[in-house]
Structures are given as structure tokens and as C-alpha cells.
Amino acid sequence: MTEMSLTAFLDHEYGGSREEFAADIDTSTASLSRYERGERIPNRQTMNLIHRVTGGKVTPNSFYGISAA
């Protein structure tokens, strides 16, 4: 499975709006926007939800710039 950024997932894979995704991960759209821009890193609970909702395509490595080589 290929890892991808949160923005890439939302733009190319997710079938809903950013508002719907924010609700899926139990956060605000403002926080989601900060995650996308790299201004904030999700806490552990949110990170787990992101990983689950994206089917594992977005991982903690995506937020820390770590390649899964």
C-alpha cells in the first residue's frame, strides 16, 4: 500500500467533503486545515482515526516526513 499525504488523500481518494472528513475524525475543519498545511500535528487519538478512516494510506509518517522505505 502506498502512503500519501492527507491532502493527496482528500483530493484524490476521499469521496466526501473536507467537512465530512473532519466529522469522520472528530475534529473541526479549522484543525483539519492546519493538519493539511503542516501547522499542527494530530494527537494520538486523531492520528489513529485518520489512519483508520484512510484505510492506512495516511500514517503518522506522513506528518513527520518519514519515508516508509
PDB file of N, CA and C in Angstrom:
ATOM      1  N   MET A   1       0.847  -1.183   0.000  1.00  0.00           N
ATOM      2  CA  MET A   1       0.000   0.000   0.000  1.00  0.00           C
ATOM      3  C   MET A   1       0.890   1.244   0.000  1.00  0.00           C
ATOM      4  N   THR A   2       0.522   2.202  -0.787  1.00  0.00           N
ATOM      5  CA  THR A   2       1.289   3.428  -0.903  1.00  0.00           C
ATOM      6  C   THR A   2       0.814   4.456   0.119  1.00  0.00           C
ATOM      7  N   GLU A   3       1.769   5.003   0.860  1.00  0.00           N
ATOM      8  CA  GLU A   3       1.437   6.094   1.781  1.00  0.00           C
ATOM      9  C   GLU A   3       1.224   7.363   0.989  1.00  0.00           C
ATOM     10  N   MET A   4       0.376   8.231   1.522  1.00  0.00           N
ATOM     11  CA  MET A   4       0.152   9.509   0.861  1.00  0.00           C
ATOM     12  C   MET A   4      -0.109  10.577   1.905  1.00  0.00           C
ATOM     13  N   SER A   5       0.007  11.817   1.476  1.00  0.00           N
ATOM     14  CA  SER A   5      -0.272  12.922   2.382  1.00  0.00           C
ATOM     15  C   SER A   5      -1.779  13.021   2.604  1.00  0.00           C
ATOM     16  N   LEU A   6      -2.133  13.688   3.665  1.00  0.00           N
ATOM     17  CA  LEU A   6      -3.546  13.896   3.957  1.00  0.00           C
ATOM     18  C   LEU A   6      -4.221  14.667   2.826  1.00  0.00           C
ATOM     19  N   THR A   7      -3.569  15.703   2.336  1.00  0.00           N
ATOM     20  CA  THR A   7      -4.146  16.498   1.247  1.00  0.00           C
ATOM     21  C   THR A   7      -4.339  15.656  -0.006  1.00  0.00           C
ATOM     22  N   ALA A   8      -3.342  14.837  -0.350  1.00  0.00           N
ATOM     23  CA  ALA A   8      -3.466  13.972  -1.531  1.00  0.00           C
ATOM     24  C   ALA A   8      -4.628  13.009  -1.358  1.00  0.00           C
ATOM     25  N   PHE A   9      -4.767  12.445  -0.172  1.00  0.00           N
ATOM     26  CA  PHE A   9      -5.882  11.533   0.082  1.00  0.00           C
ATOM     27  C   PHE A   9      -7.216  12.250  -0.091  1.00  0.00           C
ATOM     28  N   LEU A  10      -7.344  13.418   0.505  1.00  0.00           N
ATOM     29  CA  LEU A  10      -8.612  14.154   0.426  1.00  0.00           C
ATOM     30  C   LEU A  10      -8.926  14.589  -1.000  1.00  0.00           C
ATOM     31  N   ASP A  11      -7.895  14.970  -1.743  1.00  0.00           N
ATOM     32  CA  ASP A  11      -8.102  15.443  -3.121  1.00  0.00           C
ATOM     33  C   ASP A  11      -8.378  14.314  -4.115  1.00  0.00           C
ATOM     34  N   HIS A  12      -7.794  13.134  -3.876  1.00  0.00           N
ATOM     35  CA  HIS A  12      -7.847  12.086  -4.908  1.00  0.00           C
ATOM     36  C   HIS A  12      -8.554  10.798  -4.509  1.00  0.00           C
ATOM     37  N   GLU A  13      -8.687  10.539  -3.224  1.00  0.00           N
ATOM     38  CA  GLU A  13      -9.237   9.259  -2.784  1.00  0.00           C
ATOM     39  C   GLU A  13     -10.564   9.383  -2.035  1.00  0.00           C
ATOM     40  N   TYR A  14     -10.674  10.397  -1.220  1.00  0.00           N
ATOM     41  CA  TYR A  14     -11.849  10.524  -0.359  1.00  0.00           C
ATOM     42  C   TYR A  14     -13.041  10.988  -1.179  1.00  0.00           C
ATOM     43  N   GLY A  15     -14.162  10.367  -0.997  1.00  0.00           N
ATOM     44  CA  GLY A  15     -15.340  10.683  -1.797  1.00  0.00           C
ATOM     45  C   GLY A  15     -16.215  11.790  -1.246  1.00  0.00           C
ATOM     46  N   GLY A  16     -15.865  12.339  -0.088  1.00  0.00           N
ATOM     47  CA  GLY A  16     -16.703  13.360   0.534  1.00  0.00           C
ATOM     48  C   GLY A  16     -15.990  14.698   0.620  1.00  0.00           C
ATOM     49  N   SER A  17     -16.609  15.593   1.343  1.00  0.00           N
ATOM     50  CA  SER A  17     -16.048  16.930   1.524  1.00  0.00           C
ATOM     51  C   SER A  17     -15.077  16.941   2.692  1.00  0.00           C
ATOM     52  N   ARG A  18     -14.340  18.013   2.811  1.00  0.00           N
ATOM     53  CA  ARG A  18     -13.446  18.170   3.957  1.00  0.00           C
ATOM     54  C   ARG A  18     -14.239  18.278   5.254  1.00  0.00           C
ATOM     55  N   GLU A  19     -15.412  18.857   5.188  1.00  0.00           N
ATOM     56  CA  GLU A  19     -16.278  18.939   6.372  1.00  0.00           C
ATOM     57  C   GLU A  19     -16.679  17.538   6.835  1.00  0.00           C
ATOM     58  N   GLU A  20     -16.984  16.665   5.879  1.00  0.00           N
ATOM     59  CA  GLU A  20     -17.350  15.289   6.222  1.00  0.00           C
ATOM     60  C   GLU A  20     -16.163  14.528   6.800  1.00  0.00           C
ATOM     61  N   PHE A  21     -14.984  14.739   6.222  1.00  0.00           N
ATOM     62  CA  PHE A  21     -13.801  14.057   6.744  1.00  0.00           C
ATOM     63  C   PHE A  21     -13.495  14.535   8.157  1.00  0.00           C
ATOM     64  N   ALA A  22     -13.592  15.837   8.389  1.00  0.00           N
ATOM     65  CA  ALA A  22     -13.359  16.380   9.730  1.00  0.00           C
ATOM     66  C   ALA A  22     -14.312  15.727  10.732  1.00  0.00           C
ATOM     67  N   ALA A  23     -15.565  15.564  10.346  1.00  0.00           N
ATOM     68  CA  ALA A  23     -16.537  14.902  11.225  1.00  0.00           C
ATOM     69  C   ALA A  23     -16.146  13.434  11.443  1.00  0.00           C
ATOM     70  N   ASP A  24     -15.670  12.775  10.390  1.00  0.00           N
ATOM     71  CA  ASP A  24     -15.255  11.367  10.498  1.00  0.00           C
ATOM     72  C   ASP A  24     -14.122  11.177  11.509  1.00  0.00           C
ATOM     73  N   ILE A  25     -13.251  12.186  11.618  1.00  0.00           N
ATOM     74  CA  ILE A  25     -12.123  12.070  12.553  1.00  0.00           C
ATOM     75  C   ILE A  25     -12.357  12.901  13.817  1.00  0.00           C
ATOM     76  N   ASP A  26     -13.582  13.340  14.000  1.00  0.00           N
ATOM     77  CA  ASP A  26     -13.990  14.025  15.223  1.00  0.00           C
ATOM     78  C   ASP A  26     -13.145  15.261  15.523  1.00  0.00           C
ATOM     79  N   THR A  27     -12.985  16.104  14.487  1.00  0.00           N
ATOM     80  CA  THR A  27     -12.238  17.353  14.662  1.00  0.00           C
ATOM     81  C   THR A  27     -12.926  18.459  13.881  1.00  0.00           C
ATOM     82  N   SER A  28     -12.454  19.661  14.041  1.00  0.00           N
ATOM     83  CA  SER A  28     -13.032  20.800  13.324  1.00  0.00           C
ATOM     84  C   SER A  28     -12.386  20.932  11.944  1.00  0.00           C
ATOM     85  N   THR A  29     -13.054  21.641  11.055  1.00  0.00           N
ATOM     86  CA  THR A  29     -12.467  21.881   9.740  1.00  0.00           C
ATOM     87  C   THR A  29     -11.234  22.771   9.867  1.00  0.00           C
ATOM     88  N   ALA A  30     -11.205  23.652  10.866  1.00  0.00           N
ATOM     89  CA  ALA A  30     -10.028  24.503  11.086  1.00  0.00           C
ATOM     90  C   ALA A  30      -8.818  23.644  11.456  1.00  0.00           C
ATOM     91  N   SER A  31      -9.017  22.676  12.342  1.00  0.00           N
ATOM     92  CA  SER A  31      -7.907  21.774  12.710  1.00  0.00           C
ATOM     93  C   SER A  31      -7.472  20.946  11.518  1.00  0.00           C
ATOM     94  N   LEU A  32      -8.418  20.437  10.755  1.00  0.00           N
ATOM     95  CA  LEU A  32      -8.085  19.655   9.565  1.00  0.00           C
ATOM     96  C   LEU A  32      -7.230  20.485   8.612  1.00  0.00           C
ATOM     97  N   SER A  33      -7.600  21.726   8.418  1.00  0.00           N
ATOM     98  CA  SER A  33      -6.835  22.615   7.549  1.00  0.00           C
ATOM     99  C   SER A  33      -5.413  22.809   8.073  1.00  0.00           C
ATOM    100  N   ARG A  34      -5.260  22.940   9.381  1.00  0.00           N
ATOM    101  CA  ARG A  34      -3.923  23.077   9.978  1.00  0.00           C
ATOM    102  C   ARG A  34      -3.101  21.807   9.773  1.00  0.00           C
ATOM    103  N   TYR A  35      -3.736  20.648   9.867  1.00  0.00           N
ATOM    104  CA  TYR A  35      -3.030  19.387   9.615  1.00  0.00           C
ATOM    105  C   TYR A  35      -2.538  19.345   8.171  1.00  0.00           C
ATOM    106  N   GLU A  36      -3.397  19.760   7.249  1.00  0.00           N
ATOM    107  CA  GLU A  36      -3.024  19.740   5.832  1.00  0.00           C
ATOM    108  C   GLU A  36      -1.862  20.673   5.530  1.00  0.00           C
ATOM    109  N   ARG A  37      -1.851  21.834   6.161  1.00  0.00           N
ATOM    110  CA  ARG A  37      -0.800  22.824   5.918  1.00  0.00           C
ATOM    111  C   ARG A  37       0.480  22.545   6.704  1.00  0.00           C
ATOM    112  N   GLY A  38       0.458  21.544   7.572  1.00  0.00           N
ATOM    113  CA  GLY A  38       1.630  21.219   8.367  1.00  0.00           C
ATOM    114  C   GLY A  38       1.853  22.162   9.532  1.00  0.00           C
ATOM    115  N   GLU A  39       0.818  22.906   9.900  1.00  0.00           N
ATOM    116  CA  GLU A  39       0.922  23.843  11.019  1.00  0.00           C
ATOM    117  C   GLU A  39       0.666  23.165  12.355  1.00  0.00           C
ATOM    118  N   ARG A  40       0.127  21.971  12.302  1.00  0.00           N
ATOM    119  CA  ARG A  40      -0.212  21.239  13.521  1.00  0.00           C
ATOM    120  C   ARG A  40      -0.135  19.743  13.219  1.00  0.00           C
ATOM    121  N   ILE A  41       0.286  18.977  14.210  1.00  0.00           N
ATOM    122  CA  ILE A  41       0.332  17.520  14.076  1.00  0.00           C
ATOM    123  C   ILE A  41      -0.784  16.951  14.942  1.00  0.00           C
ATOM    124  N   PRO A  42      -1.583  16.046  14.385  1.00  0.00           N
ATOM    125  CA  PRO A  42      -2.698  15.480  15.152  1.00  0.00           C
ATOM    126  C   PRO A  42      -2.222  14.747  16.405  1.00  0.00           C
ATOM    127  N   ASN A  43      -3.054  14.775  17.439  1.00  0.00           N
ATOM    128  CA  ASN A  43      -2.740  13.999  18.638  1.00  0.00           C
ATOM    129  C   ASN A  43      -2.927  12.516  18.326  1.00  0.00           C
ATOM    130  N   ARG A  44      -2.550  11.684  19.269  1.00  0.00           N
ATOM    131  CA  ARG A  44      -2.565  10.230  19.034  1.00  0.00           C
ATOM    132  C   ARG A  44      -3.955   9.724  18.652  1.00  0.00           C
ATOM    133  N   GLN A  45      -4.987  10.158  19.350  1.00  0.00           N
ATOM    134  CA  GLN A  45      -6.353   9.694  19.065  1.00  0.00           C
ATOM    135  C   GLN A  45      -6.774  10.091  17.652  1.00  0.00           C
ATOM    136  N   THR A  46      -6.518  11.344  17.291  1.00  0.00           N
ATOM    137  CA  THR A  46      -6.877  11.813  15.951  1.00  0.00           C
ATOM    138  C   THR A  46      -6.055  11.101  14.893  1.00  0.00           C
ATOM    139  N   MET A  47      -4.772  10.894  15.177  1.00  0.00           N
ATOM    140  CA  MET A  47      -3.904  10.186  14.235  1.00  0.00           C
ATOM    141  C   MET A  47      -4.442   8.776  13.981  1.00  0.00           C
ATOM    142  N   ASN A  48      -4.877   8.107  15.030  1.00  0.00           N
ATOM    143  CA  ASN A  48      -5.452   6.764  14.867  1.00  0.00           C
ATOM    144  C   ASN A  48      -6.712   6.797  14.014  1.00  0.00           C
ATOM    145  N   LEU A  49      -7.547   7.807  14.219  1.00  0.00           N
ATOM    146  CA  LEU A  49      -8.763   7.941  13.405  1.00  0.00           C
ATOM    147  C   LEU A  49      -8.419   8.214  11.945  1.00  0.00           C
ATOM    148  N   ILE A  50      -7.446   9.085  11.710  1.00  0.00           N
ATOM    149  CA  ILE A  50      -7.021   9.381  10.332  1.00  0.00           C
ATOM    150  C   ILE A  50      -6.532   8.095   9.667  1.00  0.00           C
ATOM    151  N   HIS A  51      -5.717   7.350  10.365  1.00  0.00           N
ATOM    152  CA  HIS A  51      -5.185   6.101   9.815  1.00  0.00           C
ATOM    153  C   HIS A  51      -6.316   5.130   9.478  1.00  0.00           C
ATOM    154  N   ARG A  52      -7.282   5.006  10.378  1.00  0.00           N
ATOM    155  CA  ARG A  52      -8.399   4.085  10.158  1.00  0.00           C
ATOM    156  C   ARG A  52      -9.301   4.555   9.015  1.00  0.00           C
ATOM    157  N   VAL A  53      -9.678   5.824   9.021  1.00  0.00           N
ATOM    158  CA  VAL A  53     -10.609   6.348   8.004  1.00  0.00           C
ATOM    159  C   VAL A  53      -9.980   6.318   6.609  1.00  0.00           C
ATOM    160  N   THR A  54      -8.653   6.496   6.528  1.00  0.00           N
ATOM    161  CA  THR A  54      -7.981   6.480   5.222  1.00  0.00           C
ATOM    162  C   THR A  54      -7.564   5.085   4.796  1.00  0.00           C
ATOM    163  N   GLY A  55      -7.940   4.091   5.573  1.00  0.00           N
ATOM    164  CA  GLY A  55      -7.565   2.721   5.242  1.00  0.00           C
ATOM    165  C   GLY A  55      -6.066   2.495   5.290  1.00  0.00           C
ATOM    166  N   GLY A  56      -5.379   3.261   6.132  1.00  0.00           N
ATOM    167  CA  GLY A  56      -3.945   3.105   6.285  1.00  0.00           C
ATOM    168  C   GLY A  56      -3.106   3.865   5.278  1.00  0.00           C
ATOM    169  N   LYS A  57      -3.736   4.621   4.405  1.00  0.00           N
ATOM    170  CA  LYS A  57      -2.982   5.362   3.380  1.00  0.00           C
ATOM    171  C   LYS A  57      -2.292   6.595   3.939  1.00  0.00           C
ATOM    172  N   VAL A  58      -2.840   7.173   4.998  1.00  0.00           N
ATOM    173  CA  VAL A  58      -2.204   8.309   5.669  1.00  0.00           C
ATOM    174  C   VAL A  58      -1.778   7.815   7.048  1.00  0.00           C
ATOM    175  N   THR A  59      -0.479   7.881   7.303  1.00  0.00           N
ATOM    176  CA  THR A  59       0.084   7.360   8.556  1.00  0.00           C
ATOM    177  C   THR A  59       0.765   8.492   9.321  1.00  0.00           C
ATOM    178  N   PRO A  60       1.167   8.236  10.556  1.00  0.00           N
ATOM    179  CA  PRO A  60       1.928   9.255  11.291  1.00  0.00           C
ATOM    180  C   PRO A  60       3.173   9.702  10.526  1.00  0.00           C
ATOM    181  N   ASN A  61       3.790   8.779   9.790  1.00  0.00           N
ATOM    182  CA  ASN A  61       4.968   9.147   8.992  1.00  0.00           C
ATOM    183  C   ASN A  61       4.662  10.284   8.025  1.00  0.00           C
ATOM    184  N   SER A  62       3.431  10.346   7.541  1.00  0.00           N
ATOM    185  CA  SER A  62       3.030  11.386   6.596  1.00  0.00           C
ATOM    186  C   SER A  62       3.157  12.772   7.212  1.00  0.00           C
ATOM    187  N   PHE A  63       2.978  12.872   8.518  1.00  0.00           N
ATOM    188  CA  PHE A  63       3.029  14.163   9.190  1.00  0.00           C
ATOM    189  C   PHE A  63       4.429  14.544   9.629  1.00  0.00           C
ATOM    190  N   TYR A  64       5.298  13.544   9.755  1.00  0.00           N
ATOM    191  CA  TYR A  64       6.665  13.803  10.195  1.00  0.00           C
ATOM    192  C   TYR A  64       7.678  13.760   9.050  1.00  0.00           C
ATOM    193  N   GLY A  65       7.182  13.535   7.829  1.00  0.00           N
ATOM    194  CA  GLY A  65       8.058  13.493   6.672  1.00  0.00           C
ATOM    195  C   GLY A  65       8.997  12.302   6.644  1.00  0.00           C
ATOM    196  N   ILE A  66       8.552  11.182   7.221  1.00  0.00           N
ATOM    197  CA  ILE A  66       9.365   9.972   7.262  1.00  0.00           C
ATOM    198  C   ILE A  66       8.931   9.052   6.129  1.00  0.00           C
ATOM    199  N   SER A  67       9.878   8.641   5.338  1.00  0.00           N
ATOM    200  CA  SER A  67       9.592   7.740   4.227  1.00  0.00           C
ATOM    201  C   SER A  67       9.531   6.302   4.740  1.00  0.00           C
ATOM    202  N   ALA A  68       8.558   5.569   4.255  1.00  0.00           N
ATOM    203  CA  ALA A  68       8.409   4.154   4.648  1.00  0.00           C
ATOM    204  C   ALA A  68       9.141   3.281   3.639  1.00  0.00           C
ATOM    205  N   ALA A  69      10.449   3.386   3.625  1.00  0.00           N
ATOM    206  CA  ALA A  69      11.263   2.658   2.642  1.00  0.00           C
ATOM    207  C   ALA A  69      11.483   1.241   2.994  1.00  0.00           C
TER     208      ALA A  69
END
